[in-house]
Amino acid sequence: MAPRGTPKPIIDKLAKAVVKAMQSPITRETLHDSGSENISGVAEQFTAYLTADFEKWTLIIQSLYFEQ
């Protein structure tokens, strides 16, 4: 993640570093052991994942707390 408006070349550089880090066996094991999910990839894929996840949880929370 980076602040909104971060230039694309910087986003690409950060994404490349994250992908490299996620290939580390220690990183993979740590994520697995903590119950986290490895979704590394290009920045656009991560943005799409976060957007979909946000929308999903927004609907769940609204249905539980605001539509009763």
PDB file of N, CA and C in Angstrom:
ATOM      1  N   MET A   1       0.842  -1.172   0.000  1.00  0.00           N
ATOM      2  CA  MET A   1       0.000   0.000   0.000  1.00  0.00           C
ATOM      3  C   MET A   1       0.888   1.235   0.000  1.00  0.00           C
ATOM      4  N   ALA A   2       0.364   2.267  -0.587  1.00  0.00           N
ATOM      5  CA  ALA A   2       1.073   3.543  -0.660  1.00  0.00           C
ATOM      6  C   ALA A   2       0.029   4.653  -0.685  1.00  0.00           C
ATOM      7  N   PRO A   3       0.433   5.864  -0.365  1.00  0.00           N
ATOM      8  CA  PRO A   3      -0.527   6.973  -0.388  1.00  0.00           C
ATOM      9  C   PRO A   3      -1.122   7.185  -1.781  1.00  0.00           C
ATOM     10  N   ARG A   4      -2.371   7.606  -1.804  1.00  0.00           N
ATOM     11  CA  ARG A   4      -3.029   7.934  -3.067  1.00  0.00           C
ATOM     12  C   ARG A   4      -2.177   8.967  -3.796  1.00  0.00           C
ATOM     13  N   GLY A   5      -2.055   8.803  -5.095  1.00  0.00           N
ATOM     14  CA  GLY A   5      -1.294   9.747  -5.894  1.00  0.00           C
ATOM     15  C   GLY A   5       0.177   9.395  -6.035  1.00  0.00           C
ATOM     16  N   THR A   6       0.595   8.280  -5.429  1.00  0.00           N
ATOM     17  CA  THR A   6       1.986   7.863  -5.589  1.00  0.00           C
ATOM     18  C   THR A   6       2.222   7.550  -7.064  1.00  0.00           C
ATOM     19  N   PRO A   7       3.301   8.071  -7.646  1.00  0.00           N
ATOM     20  CA  PRO A   7       3.556   7.836  -9.069  1.00  0.00           C
ATOM     21  C   PRO A   7       3.668   6.344  -9.405  1.00  0.00           C
ATOM     22  N   LYS A   8       3.145   5.976 -10.571  1.00  0.00           N
ATOM     23  CA  LYS A   8       3.129   4.574 -10.993  1.00  0.00           C
ATOM     24  C   LYS A   8       4.520   3.930 -10.980  1.00  0.00           C
ATOM     25  N   PRO A   9       5.589   4.605 -11.418  1.00  0.00           N
ATOM     26  CA  PRO A   9       6.904   3.958 -11.357  1.00  0.00           C
ATOM     27  C   PRO A   9       7.299   3.553  -9.928  1.00  0.00           C
ATOM     28  N   ILE A  10       6.896   4.342  -8.951  1.00  0.00           N
ATOM     29  CA  ILE A  10       7.208   3.995  -7.568  1.00  0.00           C
ATOM     30  C   ILE A  10       6.342   2.822  -7.118  1.00  0.00           C
ATOM     31  N   ILE A  11       5.066   2.837  -7.484  1.00  0.00           N
ATOM     32  CA  ILE A  11       4.173   1.717  -7.171  1.00  0.00           C
ATOM     33  C   ILE A  11       4.726   0.434  -7.769  1.00  0.00           C
ATOM     34  N   ASP A  12       5.153   0.499  -9.030  1.00  0.00           N
ATOM     35  CA  ASP A  12       5.699  -0.685  -9.701  1.00  0.00           C
ATOM     36  C   ASP A  12       6.950  -1.194  -8.998  1.00  0.00           C
ATOM     37  N   LYS A  13       7.808  -0.281  -8.571  1.00  0.00           N
ATOM     38  CA  LYS A  13       9.034  -0.666  -7.869  1.00  0.00           C
ATOM     39  C   LYS A  13       8.704  -1.328  -6.522  1.00  0.00           C
ATOM     40  N   LEU A  14       7.753  -0.747  -5.792  1.00  0.00           N
ATOM     41  CA  LEU A  14       7.333  -1.338  -4.526  1.00  0.00           C
ATOM     42  C   LEU A  14       6.705  -2.721  -4.736  1.00  0.00           C
ATOM     43  N   ALA A  15       5.860  -2.827  -5.747  1.00  0.00           N
ATOM     44  CA  ALA A  15       5.197  -4.100  -6.035  1.00  0.00           C
ATOM     45  C   ALA A  15       6.226  -5.179  -6.369  1.00  0.00           C
ATOM     46  N   LYS A  16       7.218  -4.814  -7.140  1.00  0.00           N
ATOM     47  CA  LYS A  16       8.266  -5.776  -7.502  1.00  0.00           C
ATOM     48  C   LYS A  16       9.015  -6.260  -6.256  1.00  0.00           C
ATOM     49  N   ALA A  17       9.289  -5.337  -5.337  1.00  0.00           N
ATOM     50  CA  ALA A  17       9.977  -5.705  -4.098  1.00  0.00           C
ATOM     51  C   ALA A  17       9.109  -6.611  -3.229  1.00  0.00           C
ATOM     52  N   VAL A  18       7.808  -6.332  -3.195  1.00  0.00           N
ATOM     53  CA  VAL A  18       6.900  -7.167  -2.406  1.00  0.00           C
ATOM     54  C   VAL A  18       6.826  -8.576  -3.000  1.00  0.00           C
ATOM     55  N   VAL A  19       6.706  -8.660  -4.320  1.00  0.00           N
ATOM     56  CA  VAL A  19       6.660  -9.979  -4.963  1.00  0.00           C
ATOM     57  C   VAL A  19       7.916 -10.764  -4.633  1.00  0.00           C
ATOM     58  N   LYS A  20       9.056 -10.117  -4.684  1.00  0.00           N
ATOM     59  CA  LYS A  20      10.318 -10.782  -4.357  1.00  0.00           C
ATOM     60  C   LYS A  20      10.314 -11.264  -2.902  1.00  0.00           C
ATOM     61  N   ALA A  21       9.870 -10.411  -1.999  1.00  0.00           N
ATOM     62  CA  ALA A  21       9.821 -10.793  -0.581  1.00  0.00           C
ATOM     63  C   ALA A  21       8.872 -11.961  -0.354  1.00  0.00           C
ATOM     64  N   MET A  22       7.746 -11.964  -1.083  1.00  0.00           N
ATOM     65  CA  MET A  22       6.765 -13.028  -0.906  1.00  0.00           C
ATOM     66  C   MET A  22       7.261 -14.381  -1.411  1.00  0.00           C
ATOM     67  N   GLN A  23       8.309 -14.387  -2.183  1.00  0.00           N
ATOM     68  CA  GLN A  23       8.872 -15.638  -2.671  1.00  0.00           C
ATOM     69  C   GLN A  23       9.785 -16.289  -1.639  1.00  0.00           C
ATOM     70  N   SER A  24      10.108 -15.556  -0.589  1.00  0.00           N
ATOM     71  CA  SER A  24      10.971 -16.080   0.459  1.00  0.00           C
ATOM     72  C   SER A  24      10.238 -17.167   1.245  1.00  0.00           C
ATOM     73  N   PRO A  25      10.888 -18.311   1.432  1.00  0.00           N
ATOM     74  CA  PRO A  25      10.251 -19.383   2.210  1.00  0.00           C
ATOM     75  C   PRO A  25       9.864 -18.939   3.626  1.00  0.00           C
ATOM     76  N   ILE A  26      10.694 -18.123   4.242  1.00  0.00           N
ATOM     77  CA  ILE A  26      10.391 -17.656   5.605  1.00  0.00           C
ATOM     78  C   ILE A  26       9.147 -16.772   5.611  1.00  0.00           C
ATOM     79  N   THR A  27       9.020 -15.913   4.607  1.00  0.00           N
ATOM     80  CA  THR A  27       7.836 -15.056   4.519  1.00  0.00           C
ATOM     81  C   THR A  27       6.597 -15.903   4.295  1.00  0.00           C
ATOM     82  N   ARG A  28       6.679 -16.840   3.385  1.00  0.00           N
ATOM     83  CA  ARG A  28       5.529 -17.715   3.109  1.00  0.00           C
ATOM     84  C   ARG A  28       5.115 -18.493   4.354  1.00  0.00           C
ATOM     85  N   GLU A  29       6.093 -19.027   5.055  1.00  0.00           N
ATOM     86  CA  GLU A  29       5.801 -19.811   6.261  1.00  0.00           C
ATOM     87  C   GLU A  29       5.172 -18.927   7.345  1.00  0.00           C
ATOM     88  N   THR A  30       5.714 -17.740   7.519  1.00  0.00           N
ATOM     89  CA  THR A  30       5.181 -16.817   8.521  1.00  0.00           C
ATOM     90  C   THR A  30       3.740 -16.441   8.202  1.00  0.00           C
ATOM     91  N   LEU A  31       3.464 -16.136   6.943  1.00  0.00           N
ATOM     92  CA  LEU A  31       2.096 -15.802   6.542  1.00  0.00           C
ATOM     93  C   LEU A  31       1.157 -16.985   6.773  1.00  0.00           C
ATOM     94  N   HIS A  32       1.597 -18.152   6.355  1.00  0.00           N
ATOM     95  CA  HIS A  32       0.782 -19.355   6.518  1.00  0.00           C
ATOM     96  C   HIS A  32       0.477 -19.607   7.987  1.00  0.00           C
ATOM     97  N   ASP A  33       1.501 -19.536   8.824  1.00  0.00           N
ATOM     98  CA  ASP A  33       1.333 -19.802  10.255  1.00  0.00           C
ATOM     99  C   ASP A  33       0.422 -18.788  10.941  1.00  0.00           C
ATOM    100  N   SER A  34       0.366 -17.572  10.411  1.00  0.00           N
ATOM    101  CA  SER A  34      -0.484 -16.542  11.020  1.00  0.00           C
ATOM    102  C   SER A  34      -1.902 -16.552  10.448  1.00  0.00           C
ATOM    103  N   GLY A  35      -2.145 -17.433   9.483  1.00  0.00           N
ATOM    104  CA  GLY A  35      -3.466 -17.504   8.875  1.00  0.00           C
ATOM    105  C   GLY A  35      -3.689 -16.478   7.786  1.00  0.00           C
ATOM    106  N   SER A  36      -2.610 -15.816   7.369  1.00  0.00           N
ATOM    107  CA  SER A  36      -2.721 -14.807   6.322  1.00  0.00           C
ATOM    108  C   SER A  36      -2.678 -15.461   4.950  1.00  0.00           C
ATOM    109  N   GLU A  37      -3.090 -14.691   3.976  1.00  0.00           N
ATOM    110  CA  GLU A  37      -3.166 -15.179   2.607  1.00  0.00           C
ATOM    111  C   GLU A  37      -2.185 -14.399   1.732  1.00  0.00           C
ATOM    112  N   ASN A  38      -1.409 -15.105   0.931  1.00  0.00           N
ATOM    113  CA  ASN A  38      -0.464 -14.463   0.015  1.00  0.00           C
ATOM    114  C   ASN A  38      -1.200 -14.120  -1.272  1.00  0.00           C
ATOM    115  N   ILE A  39      -1.393 -12.823  -1.490  1.00  0.00           N
ATOM    116  CA  ILE A  39      -2.081 -12.386  -2.702  1.00  0.00           C
ATOM    117  C   ILE A  39      -1.200 -11.451  -3.515  1.00  0.00           C
ATOM    118  N   SER A  40       0.098 -11.633  -3.388  1.00  0.00           N
ATOM    119  CA  SER A  40       0.999 -10.732  -4.107  1.00  0.00           C
ATOM    120  C   SER A  40       0.822 -10.885  -5.608  1.00  0.00           C
ATOM    121  N   GLY A  41       1.091  -9.853  -6.304  1.00  0.00           N
ATOM    122  CA  GLY A  41       0.956  -9.806  -7.750  1.00  0.00           C
ATOM    123  C   GLY A  41       1.132  -8.356  -8.176  1.00  0.00           C
ATOM    124  N   VAL A  42       0.578  -8.033  -9.295  1.00  0.00           N
ATOM    125  CA  VAL A  42       0.691  -6.648  -9.734  1.00  0.00           C
ATOM    126  C   VAL A  42      -0.226  -5.769  -8.902  1.00  0.00           C
ATOM    127  N   ALA A  43       0.113  -4.494  -8.827  1.00  0.00           N
ATOM    128  CA  ALA A  43      -0.624  -3.558  -7.978  1.00  0.00           C
ATOM    129  C   ALA A  43      -2.108  -3.528  -8.326  1.00  0.00           C
ATOM    130  N   GLU A  44      -2.437  -3.620  -9.598  1.00  0.00           N
ATOM    131  CA  GLU A  44      -3.841  -3.579 -10.012  1.00  0.00           C
ATOM    132  C   GLU A  44      -4.626  -4.775  -9.462  1.00  0.00           C
ATOM    133  N   GLN A  45      -3.983  -5.942  -9.388  1.00  0.00           N
ATOM    134  CA  GLN A  45      -4.650  -7.118  -8.826  1.00  0.00           C
ATOM    135  C   GLN A  45      -4.919  -6.917  -7.344  1.00  0.00           C
ATOM    136  N   PHE A  46      -3.950  -6.347  -6.647  1.00  0.00           N
ATOM    137  CA  PHE A  46      -4.110  -6.111  -5.222  1.00  0.00           C
ATOM    138  C   PHE A  46      -5.215  -5.090  -4.977  1.00  0.00           C
ATOM    139  N   THR A  47      -5.248  -4.042  -5.786  1.00  0.00           N
ATOM    140  CA  THR A  47      -6.298  -3.034  -5.668  1.00  0.00           C
ATOM    141  C   THR A  47      -7.666  -3.661  -5.892  1.00  0.00           C
ATOM    142  N   ALA A  48      -7.781  -4.508  -6.906  1.00  0.00           N
ATOM    143  CA  ALA A  48      -9.054  -5.172  -7.193  1.00  0.00           C
ATOM    144  C   ALA A  48      -9.460  -6.078  -6.032  1.00  0.00           C
ATOM    145  N   TYR A  49      -8.506  -6.793  -5.466  1.00  0.00           N
ATOM    146  CA  TYR A  49      -8.782  -7.675  -4.330  1.00  0.00           C
ATOM    147  C   TYR A  49      -9.297  -6.857  -3.144  1.00  0.00           C
ATOM    148  N   LEU A  50      -8.591  -5.774  -2.811  1.00  0.00           N
ATOM    149  CA  LEU A  50      -8.995  -4.940  -1.679  1.00  0.00           C
ATOM    150  C   LEU A  50     -10.369  -4.312  -1.900  1.00  0.00           C
ATOM    151  N   THR A  51     -10.625  -3.861  -3.116  1.00  0.00           N
ATOM    152  CA  THR A  51     -11.915  -3.249  -3.428  1.00  0.00           C
ATOM    153  C   THR A  51     -13.046  -4.262  -3.249  1.00  0.00           C
ATOM    154  N   ALA A  52     -12.865  -5.458  -3.783  1.00  0.00           N
ATOM    155  CA  ALA A  52     -13.886  -6.495  -3.664  1.00  0.00           C
ATOM    156  C   ALA A  52     -14.084  -6.897  -2.201  1.00  0.00           C
ATOM    157  N   ASP A  53     -12.997  -7.029  -1.458  1.00  0.00           N
ATOM    158  CA  ASP A  53     -13.074  -7.412  -0.056  1.00  0.00           C
ATOM    159  C   ASP A  53     -13.791  -6.322   0.753  1.00  0.00           C
ATOM    160  N   PHE A  54     -13.469  -5.072   0.476  1.00  0.00           N
ATOM    161  CA  PHE A  54     -14.123  -3.949   1.164  1.00  0.00           C
ATOM    162  C   PHE A  54     -15.620  -3.964   0.889  1.00  0.00           C
ATOM    163  N   GLU A  55     -15.992  -4.162  -0.371  1.00  0.00           N
ATOM    164  CA  GLU A  55     -17.410  -4.185  -0.734  1.00  0.00           C
ATOM    165  C   GLU A  55     -18.129  -5.347  -0.046  1.00  0.00           C
ATOM    166  N   LYS A  56     -17.480  -6.500  -0.021  1.00  0.00           N
ATOM    167  CA  LYS A  56     -18.082  -7.676   0.613  1.00  0.00           C
ATOM    168  C   LYS A  56     -18.348  -7.409   2.089  1.00  0.00           C
ATOM    169  N   TRP A  57     -17.354  -6.921   2.805  1.00  0.00           N
ATOM    170  CA  TRP A  57     -17.507  -6.691   4.237  1.00  0.00           C
ATOM    171  C   TRP A  57     -18.437  -5.519   4.535  1.00  0.00           C
ATOM    172  N   THR A  58     -18.490  -4.547   3.652  1.00  0.00           N
ATOM    173  CA  THR A  58     -19.434  -3.444   3.828  1.00  0.00           C
ATOM    174  C   THR A  58     -20.861  -3.986   3.801  1.00  0.00           C
ATOM    175  N   LEU A  59     -21.148  -4.842   2.840  1.00  0.00           N
ATOM    176  CA  LEU A  59     -22.492  -5.431   2.747  1.00  0.00           C
ATOM    177  C   LEU A  59     -22.820  -6.287   3.966  1.00  0.00           C
ATOM    178  N   ILE A  60     -21.858  -7.066   4.412  1.00  0.00           N
ATOM    179  CA  ILE A  60     -22.087  -7.919   5.582  1.00  0.00           C
ATOM    180  C   ILE A  60     -22.363  -7.069   6.816  1.00  0.00           C
ATOM    181  N   ILE A  61     -21.548  -6.063   7.046  1.00  0.00           N
ATOM    182  CA  ILE A  61     -21.720  -5.204   8.216  1.00  0.00           C
ATOM    183  C   ILE A  61     -23.039  -4.441   8.143  1.00  0.00           C
ATOM    184  N   GLN A  62     -23.366  -3.918   6.979  1.00  0.00           N
ATOM    185  CA  GLN A  62     -24.629  -3.201   6.835  1.00  0.00           C
ATOM    186  C   GLN A  62     -25.812  -4.115   7.108  1.00  0.00           C
ATOM    187  N   SER A  63     -25.745  -5.351   6.612  1.00  0.00           N
ATOM    188  CA  SER A  63     -26.877  -6.264   6.820  1.00  0.00           C
ATOM    189  C   SER A  63     -27.001  -6.662   8.291  1.00  0.00           C
ATOM    190  N   LEU A  64     -25.903  -6.709   9.010  1.00  0.00           N
ATOM    191  CA  LEU A  64     -25.953  -7.098  10.408  1.00  0.00           C
ATOM    192  C   LEU A  64     -26.390  -5.969  11.336  1.00  0.00           C
ATOM    193  N   TYR A  65     -25.985  -4.757  11.021  1.00  0.00           N
ATOM    194  CA  TYR A  65     -26.185  -3.667  11.960  1.00  0.00           C
ATOM    195  C   TYR A  65     -27.172  -2.592  11.529  1.00  0.00           C
ATOM    196  N   PHE A  66     -27.420  -2.479  10.237  1.00  0.00           N
ATOM    197  CA  PHE A  66     -28.212  -1.335   9.798  1.00  0.00           C
ATOM    198  C   PHE A  66     -29.528  -1.714   9.126  1.00  0.00           C
ATOM    199  N   GLU A  67     -29.744  -2.978   8.843  1.00  0.00           N
ATOM    200  CA  GLU A  67     -30.953  -3.360   8.122  1.00  0.00           C
ATOM    201  C   GLU A  67     -31.836  -4.282   8.958  1.00  0.00           C
ATOM    202  N   GLN A  68     -31.802  -4.111  10.257  1.00  0.00           N
ATOM    203  CA  GLN A  68     -32.593  -4.992  11.111  1.00  0.00           C
ATOM    204  C   GLN A  68     -33.896  -4.352  11.469  1.00  0.00           C
TER     205      GLN A  68
END
